[in-house]
Amino acid sequence: MLKKNFIICGIFGWCIEILWTAFEKFRRRDMKLIGNTSIWMFPIYGMASLFAPIYRFIRNDNILVRGIVYMMSIFTAEYATGYLLCKHNMCPWDYSRCKYNIKGLIRLDYAPLWFFIGLIFEKIVNLKEH
């Protein structure tokens, strides 16, 4: 189940990243709406499959607590993987020009986004139909 969830989360993550980057192009009035991602993002998003075991511990908590746990987990994974990738000059993102960044690796203004994306990943990894 973990392997299947890893693949599903990786693909879902790629899709949301492509849509997000295309939306950013739209905001800049670039009507080509070219979204992009990196192959490195697949395993990074795939790590959301670990939300299934986390959910077992927090399933009785309210949505606010669960969303914050997922948001902090995503920030931690983004920072750690970004740090490792930067060490090898392979990091596909650089937030250093953004106002609320930490070492160019995470953007605190993305907290609401990661809160909701985490809750979506929770639903994905806990579907009974897998």
N, C-alpha and C. Protein backbone atom coordinates (compact mmCIF):
# COMPACT_ATOMS: atom_id res chain seq x y z
N MET A 1 0.83 -1.20 0.00
CA MET A 1 0.00 0.00 0.00
C MET A 1 0.87 1.26 0.00
N LEU A 2 1.97 1.23 0.77
CA LEU A 2 2.85 2.39 0.84
C LEU A 2 3.45 2.71 -0.54
N LYS A 3 3.85 1.67 -1.26
CA LYS A 3 4.43 1.85 -2.60
C LYS A 3 3.41 2.48 -3.56
N LYS A 4 2.19 1.96 -3.51
CA LYS A 4 1.13 2.50 -4.37
C LYS A 4 0.82 3.95 -4.00
N ASN A 5 0.73 4.23 -2.70
CA ASN A 5 0.48 5.61 -2.25
C ASN A 5 1.62 6.54 -2.65
N PHE A 6 2.86 6.03 -2.58
CA PHE A 6 4.02 6.83 -2.97
C PHE A 6 3.89 7.27 -4.43
N ILE A 7 3.54 6.34 -5.29
CA ILE A 7 3.38 6.64 -6.72
C ILE A 7 2.24 7.62 -6.94
N ILE A 8 1.11 7.38 -6.29
CA ILE A 8 -0.05 8.27 -6.44
C ILE A 8 0.28 9.68 -5.94
N CYS A 9 0.93 9.77 -4.78
CA CYS A 9 1.29 11.08 -4.24
C CYS A 9 2.30 11.79 -5.13
N GLY A 10 3.25 11.05 -5.66
CA GLY A 10 4.24 11.65 -6.57
C GLY A 10 3.59 12.21 -7.81
N ILE A 11 2.68 11.46 -8.40
CA ILE A 11 1.98 11.93 -9.61
C ILE A 11 1.07 13.11 -9.28
N PHE A 12 0.33 13.03 -8.17
CA PHE A 12 -0.53 14.13 -7.76
C PHE A 12 0.30 15.40 -7.53
N GLY A 13 1.43 15.25 -6.85
CA GLY A 13 2.31 16.39 -6.59
C GLY A 13 2.81 17.04 -7.87
N TRP A 14 3.24 16.20 -8.82
CA TRP A 14 3.66 16.73 -10.11
C TRP A 14 2.54 17.54 -10.75
N CYS A 15 1.34 16.97 -10.73
CA CYS A 15 0.20 17.66 -11.36
C CYS A 15 -0.09 19.01 -10.71
N ILE A 16 -0.12 19.03 -9.38
CA ILE A 16 -0.41 20.32 -8.73
C ILE A 16 0.71 21.32 -8.96
N GLU A 17 1.93 20.84 -9.04
CA GLU A 17 3.04 21.75 -9.30
C GLU A 17 2.97 22.33 -10.71
N ILE A 18 2.63 21.51 -11.67
CA ILE A 18 2.48 22.00 -13.05
C ILE A 18 1.35 23.02 -13.12
N LEU A 19 0.23 22.72 -12.48
CA LEU A 19 -0.89 23.68 -12.46
C LEU A 19 -0.51 24.97 -11.73
N TRP A 20 0.20 24.86 -10.62
CA TRP A 20 0.60 26.04 -9.85
C TRP A 20 1.55 26.93 -10.64
N THR A 21 2.53 26.32 -11.29
CA THR A 21 3.49 27.13 -12.05
C THR A 21 2.82 27.74 -13.29
N ALA A 22 1.86 27.04 -13.88
CA ALA A 22 1.10 27.62 -15.00
C ALA A 22 0.25 28.79 -14.52
N PHE A 23 -0.35 28.64 -13.34
CA PHE A 23 -1.14 29.73 -12.76
C PHE A 23 -0.27 30.95 -12.50
N GLU A 24 0.95 30.73 -12.04
CA GLU A 24 1.88 31.84 -11.82
C GLU A 24 2.19 32.56 -13.14
N LYS A 25 2.30 31.80 -14.21
CA LYS A 25 2.51 32.42 -15.52
C LYS A 25 1.29 33.26 -15.91
N PHE A 26 0.11 32.76 -15.63
CA PHE A 26 -1.12 33.50 -15.91
C PHE A 26 -1.13 34.83 -15.15
N ARG A 27 -0.72 34.78 -13.89
CA ARG A 27 -0.67 36.02 -13.08
C ARG A 27 0.29 37.04 -13.68
N ARG A 28 1.30 36.56 -14.39
CA ARG A 28 2.28 37.46 -15.03
C ARG A 28 1.88 37.77 -16.47
N ARG A 29 0.68 37.35 -16.84
CA ARG A 29 0.09 37.59 -18.16
C ARG A 29 0.83 36.87 -19.29
N ASP A 30 1.48 35.78 -18.96
CA ASP A 30 2.10 34.93 -19.97
C ASP A 30 1.06 33.88 -20.34
N MET A 31 0.38 34.10 -21.43
CA MET A 31 -0.76 33.26 -21.80
C MET A 31 -0.37 31.92 -22.43
N LYS A 32 0.92 31.62 -22.49
CA LYS A 32 1.33 30.29 -22.91
C LYS A 32 1.01 29.28 -21.81
N LEU A 33 0.92 29.77 -20.58
CA LEU A 33 0.56 28.96 -19.40
C LEU A 33 1.40 27.68 -19.30
N ILE A 34 2.67 27.83 -19.52
CA ILE A 34 3.56 26.67 -19.43
C ILE A 34 3.87 26.40 -17.96
N GLY A 35 3.41 25.24 -17.50
CA GLY A 35 3.72 24.79 -16.16
C GLY A 35 4.92 23.87 -16.22
N ASN A 36 5.67 23.78 -15.12
CA ASN A 36 6.83 22.91 -15.14
C ASN A 36 7.08 22.29 -13.77
N THR A 37 7.91 21.30 -13.77
CA THR A 37 8.33 20.62 -12.56
C THR A 37 9.69 19.98 -12.82
N SER A 38 10.16 19.24 -11.88
CA SER A 38 11.44 18.55 -12.00
C SER A 38 11.24 17.08 -11.65
N ILE A 39 12.03 16.22 -12.21
CA ILE A 39 11.96 14.80 -11.88
C ILE A 39 12.22 14.60 -10.39
N TRP A 40 13.03 15.48 -9.79
CA TRP A 40 13.32 15.38 -8.35
C TRP A 40 12.06 15.54 -7.50
N MET A 41 11.06 16.22 -8.03
CA MET A 41 9.86 16.48 -7.25
C MET A 41 9.00 15.23 -7.05
N PHE A 42 9.13 14.25 -7.94
CA PHE A 42 8.32 13.04 -7.79
C PHE A 42 8.56 12.34 -6.44
N PRO A 43 9.81 12.01 -6.10
CA PRO A 43 10.00 11.37 -4.79
C PRO A 43 9.71 12.30 -3.62
N ILE A 44 9.92 13.60 -3.82
CA ILE A 44 9.62 14.54 -2.73
C ILE A 44 8.13 14.54 -2.44
N TYR A 45 7.30 14.66 -3.48
CA TYR A 45 5.85 14.58 -3.28
C TYR A 45 5.44 13.18 -2.86
N GLY A 46 6.14 12.18 -3.35
CA GLY A 46 5.82 10.81 -2.98
C GLY A 46 5.93 10.55 -1.48
N MET A 47 6.79 11.34 -0.82
CA MET A 47 6.94 11.18 0.63
C MET A 47 5.65 11.49 1.39
N ALA A 48 4.71 12.14 0.74
CA ALA A 48 3.41 12.39 1.39
C ALA A 48 2.69 11.08 1.68
N SER A 49 3.14 9.99 1.08
CA SER A 49 2.56 8.68 1.40
C SER A 49 2.76 8.34 2.87
N LEU A 50 3.72 8.98 3.51
CA LEU A 50 3.96 8.77 4.94
C LEU A 50 2.88 9.41 5.81
N PHE A 51 1.99 10.19 5.19
CA PHE A 51 0.88 10.77 5.95
C PHE A 51 -0.09 9.69 6.43
N ALA A 52 -0.12 8.55 5.76
CA ALA A 52 -1.03 7.46 6.18
C ALA A 52 -0.71 6.99 7.60
N PRO A 53 0.55 6.65 7.91
CA PRO A 53 0.83 6.26 9.29
C PRO A 53 0.69 7.42 10.28
N ILE A 54 1.02 8.62 9.85
CA ILE A 54 0.84 9.80 10.73
C ILE A 54 -0.63 9.97 11.06
N TYR A 55 -1.48 9.77 10.05
CA TYR A 55 -2.92 9.94 10.23
C TYR A 55 -3.45 9.01 11.32
N ARG A 56 -2.90 7.82 11.42
CA ARG A 56 -3.36 6.87 12.45
C ARG A 56 -3.23 7.45 13.85
N PHE A 57 -2.21 8.30 14.06
CA PHE A 57 -2.00 8.92 15.36
C PHE A 57 -2.84 10.16 15.59
N ILE A 58 -3.21 10.85 14.51
CA ILE A 58 -3.90 12.15 14.67
C ILE A 58 -5.32 12.16 14.12
N ARG A 59 -5.83 11.01 13.71
CA ARG A 59 -7.14 10.96 13.06
C ARG A 59 -8.26 11.50 13.93
N ASN A 60 -8.13 11.44 15.24
CA ASN A 60 -9.18 11.94 16.13
C ASN A 60 -9.03 13.42 16.45
N ASP A 61 -7.94 14.02 15.99
CA ASP A 61 -7.75 15.46 16.18
C ASP A 61 -8.58 16.22 15.16
N ASN A 62 -8.84 17.49 15.47
CA ASN A 62 -9.65 18.28 14.53
C ASN A 62 -8.83 18.66 13.30
N ILE A 63 -9.52 19.16 12.32
CA ILE A 63 -8.90 19.47 11.02
C ILE A 63 -7.79 20.51 11.14
N LEU A 64 -7.91 21.42 12.06
CA LEU A 64 -6.88 22.45 12.26
C LEU A 64 -5.57 21.81 12.71
N VAL A 65 -5.64 20.93 13.67
CA VAL A 65 -4.44 20.25 14.17
C VAL A 65 -3.83 19.39 13.07
N ARG A 66 -4.66 18.61 12.39
CA ARG A 66 -4.14 17.75 11.31
C ARG A 66 -3.50 18.58 10.21
N GLY A 67 -4.16 19.66 9.80
CA GLY A 67 -3.60 20.51 8.76
C GLY A 67 -2.27 21.12 9.15
N ILE A 68 -2.14 21.53 10.40
CA ILE A 68 -0.88 22.10 10.87
C ILE A 68 0.21 21.04 10.91
N VAL A 69 -0.13 19.82 11.34
CA VAL A 69 0.85 18.73 11.35
C VAL A 69 1.35 18.47 9.93
N TYR A 70 0.43 18.39 8.97
CA TYR A 70 0.83 18.15 7.58
C TYR A 70 1.64 19.31 7.02
N MET A 71 1.21 20.53 7.31
CA MET A 71 1.93 21.71 6.83
C MET A 71 3.37 21.70 7.35
N MET A 72 3.54 21.44 8.63
CA MET A 72 4.88 21.41 9.21
C MET A 72 5.70 20.25 8.64
N SER A 73 5.04 19.14 8.37
CA SER A 73 5.74 18.00 7.75
C SER A 73 6.22 18.35 6.35
N ILE A 74 5.37 19.04 5.60
CA ILE A 74 5.75 19.44 4.24
C ILE A 74 6.89 20.45 4.29
N PHE A 75 6.81 21.44 5.18
CA PHE A 75 7.90 22.41 5.32
C PHE A 75 9.21 21.69 5.68
N THR A 76 9.13 20.75 6.59
CA THR A 76 10.33 20.01 7.01
C THR A 76 10.93 19.23 5.84
N ALA A 77 10.08 18.52 5.11
CA ALA A 77 10.55 17.75 3.96
C ALA A 77 11.10 18.66 2.87
N GLU A 78 10.42 19.79 2.64
CA GLU A 78 10.88 20.72 1.60
C GLU A 78 12.24 21.30 1.98
N TYR A 79 12.39 21.68 3.23
CA TYR A 79 13.66 22.25 3.68
C TYR A 79 14.78 21.20 3.59
N ALA A 80 14.52 20.01 4.12
CA ALA A 80 15.55 18.97 4.14
C ALA A 80 15.96 18.53 2.74
N THR A 81 14.97 18.29 1.88
CA THR A 81 15.31 17.85 0.52
C THR A 81 15.95 18.99 -0.27
N GLY A 82 15.47 20.20 -0.07
CA GLY A 82 16.08 21.35 -0.73
C GLY A 82 17.52 21.54 -0.30
N TYR A 83 17.77 21.38 0.98
CA TYR A 83 19.13 21.51 1.52
C TYR A 83 20.05 20.47 0.88
N LEU A 84 19.59 19.22 0.84
CA LEU A 84 20.41 18.15 0.25
C LEU A 84 20.65 18.38 -1.24
N LEU A 85 19.59 18.77 -1.95
CA LEU A 85 19.74 19.02 -3.39
C LEU A 85 20.65 20.21 -3.66
N CYS A 86 20.57 21.25 -2.84
CA CYS A 86 21.45 22.42 -3.01
C CYS A 86 22.92 22.05 -2.81
N LYS A 87 23.17 21.14 -1.90
CA LYS A 87 24.56 20.69 -1.66
C LYS A 87 25.19 20.13 -2.93
N HIS A 88 24.35 19.62 -3.84
CA HIS A 88 24.83 19.03 -5.09
C HIS A 88 24.45 19.88 -6.31
N ASN A 89 24.03 21.12 -6.04
CA ASN A 89 23.63 22.05 -7.10
C ASN A 89 22.52 21.47 -7.98
N MET A 90 21.53 20.81 -7.34
CA MET A 90 20.46 20.17 -8.10
C MET A 90 19.06 20.61 -7.65
N CYS A 91 18.99 21.61 -6.80
CA CYS A 91 17.68 22.02 -6.28
C CYS A 91 16.88 22.76 -7.36
N PRO A 92 15.67 22.29 -7.65
CA PRO A 92 14.89 22.91 -8.72
C PRO A 92 14.16 24.19 -8.31
N TRP A 93 14.23 24.58 -7.05
CA TRP A 93 13.57 25.81 -6.62
C TRP A 93 14.55 26.68 -5.85
N ASP A 94 14.29 27.97 -5.90
CA ASP A 94 15.08 28.96 -5.16
C ASP A 94 14.14 30.09 -4.76
N TYR A 95 13.83 30.15 -3.49
CA TYR A 95 12.91 31.17 -2.98
C TYR A 95 13.65 32.36 -2.38
N SER A 96 14.94 32.47 -2.62
CA SER A 96 15.74 33.50 -1.96
C SER A 96 15.28 34.92 -2.29
N ARG A 97 14.60 35.13 -3.38
CA ARG A 97 14.10 36.46 -3.73
C ARG A 97 12.71 36.75 -3.17
N CYS A 98 12.11 35.76 -2.54
CA CYS A 98 10.76 35.92 -1.99
C CYS A 98 10.84 36.50 -0.59
N LYS A 99 9.84 37.24 -0.23
CA LYS A 99 9.84 37.99 1.03
C LYS A 99 9.94 37.09 2.27
N TYR A 100 9.15 36.06 2.34
CA TYR A 100 9.06 35.25 3.55
C TYR A 100 9.75 33.90 3.39
N ASN A 101 11.01 33.93 2.95
CA ASN A 101 11.73 32.67 2.73
C ASN A 101 12.66 32.37 3.90
N ILE A 102 12.99 31.11 4.02
CA ILE A 102 14.01 30.68 4.97
C ILE A 102 15.11 30.01 4.16
N LYS A 103 16.24 30.71 4.09
CA LYS A 103 17.42 30.25 3.35
C LYS A 103 17.12 29.88 1.91
N GLY A 104 16.08 30.47 1.34
CA GLY A 104 15.73 30.22 -0.05
C GLY A 104 15.10 28.85 -0.29
N LEU A 105 14.87 28.08 0.79
CA LEU A 105 14.40 26.71 0.66
C LEU A 105 12.91 26.54 0.90
N ILE A 106 12.35 27.35 1.76
CA ILE A 106 10.90 27.30 1.99
C ILE A 106 10.35 28.72 2.02
N ARG A 107 9.07 28.82 1.70
CA ARG A 107 8.36 30.10 1.73
C ARG A 107 7.25 30.00 2.77
N LEU A 108 7.35 30.82 3.79
CA LEU A 108 6.35 30.78 4.86
C LEU A 108 4.98 31.24 4.38
N ASP A 109 4.96 32.06 3.32
CA ASP A 109 3.66 32.49 2.80
C ASP A 109 2.92 31.35 2.09
N TYR A 110 3.58 30.22 1.90
CA TYR A 110 2.92 29.04 1.35
C TYR A 110 2.25 28.20 2.43
N ALA A 111 2.32 28.61 3.67
CA ALA A 111 1.73 27.84 4.78
C ALA A 111 0.27 27.47 4.52
N PRO A 112 -0.60 28.41 4.12
CA PRO A 112 -2.00 28.01 3.87
C PRO A 112 -2.12 26.98 2.74
N LEU A 113 -1.31 27.14 1.72
CA LEU A 113 -1.33 26.19 0.61
C LEU A 113 -0.94 24.79 1.10
N TRP A 114 0.15 24.69 1.85
CA TRP A 114 0.60 23.39 2.34
C TRP A 114 -0.38 22.80 3.36
N PHE A 115 -1.06 23.65 4.11
CA PHE A 115 -2.10 23.20 5.03
C PHE A 115 -3.17 22.42 4.27
N PHE A 116 -3.69 23.03 3.21
CA PHE A 116 -4.76 22.39 2.43
C PHE A 116 -4.26 21.22 1.59
N ILE A 117 -3.09 21.37 1.00
CA ILE A 117 -2.52 20.27 0.20
C ILE A 117 -2.27 19.06 1.11
N GLY A 118 -1.81 19.30 2.32
CA GLY A 118 -1.62 18.21 3.27
C GLY A 118 -2.90 17.46 3.56
N LEU A 119 -4.00 18.19 3.70
CA LEU A 119 -5.30 17.55 3.95
C LEU A 119 -5.77 16.77 2.73
N ILE A 120 -5.43 17.26 1.54
CA ILE A 120 -5.76 16.51 0.32
C ILE A 120 -4.95 15.22 0.27
N PHE A 121 -3.64 15.32 0.56
CA PHE A 121 -2.81 14.12 0.61
C PHE A 121 -3.35 13.13 1.65
N GLU A 122 -3.85 13.64 2.78
CA GLU A 122 -4.44 12.76 3.79
C GLU A 122 -5.57 11.93 3.19
N LYS A 123 -6.42 12.58 2.43
CA LYS A 123 -7.54 11.87 1.80
C LYS A 123 -7.03 10.86 0.77
N ILE A 124 -6.03 11.25 0.00
CA ILE A 124 -5.49 10.36 -1.04
C ILE A 124 -4.92 9.08 -0.41
N VAL A 125 -4.13 9.22 0.63
CA VAL A 125 -3.45 8.04 1.19
C VAL A 125 -4.38 7.20 2.07
N ASN A 126 -5.56 7.69 2.34
CA ASN A 126 -6.48 6.94 3.18
C ASN A 126 -7.71 6.45 2.43
N LEU A 127 -7.69 6.53 1.10
CA LEU A 127 -8.79 6.00 0.32
C LEU A 127 -8.84 4.48 0.46
N LYS A 128 -10.00 3.97 0.69
CA LYS A 128 -10.15 2.51 0.86
C LYS A 128 -10.13 1.76 -0.47
N GLU A 129 -10.35 2.48 -1.57
CA GLU A 129 -10.45 1.84 -2.89
C GLU A 129 -9.09 1.43 -3.45
N HIS A 130 -8.00 1.78 -2.82
CA HIS A 130 -6.66 1.47 -3.37
C HIS A 130 -6.53 0.00 -3.53
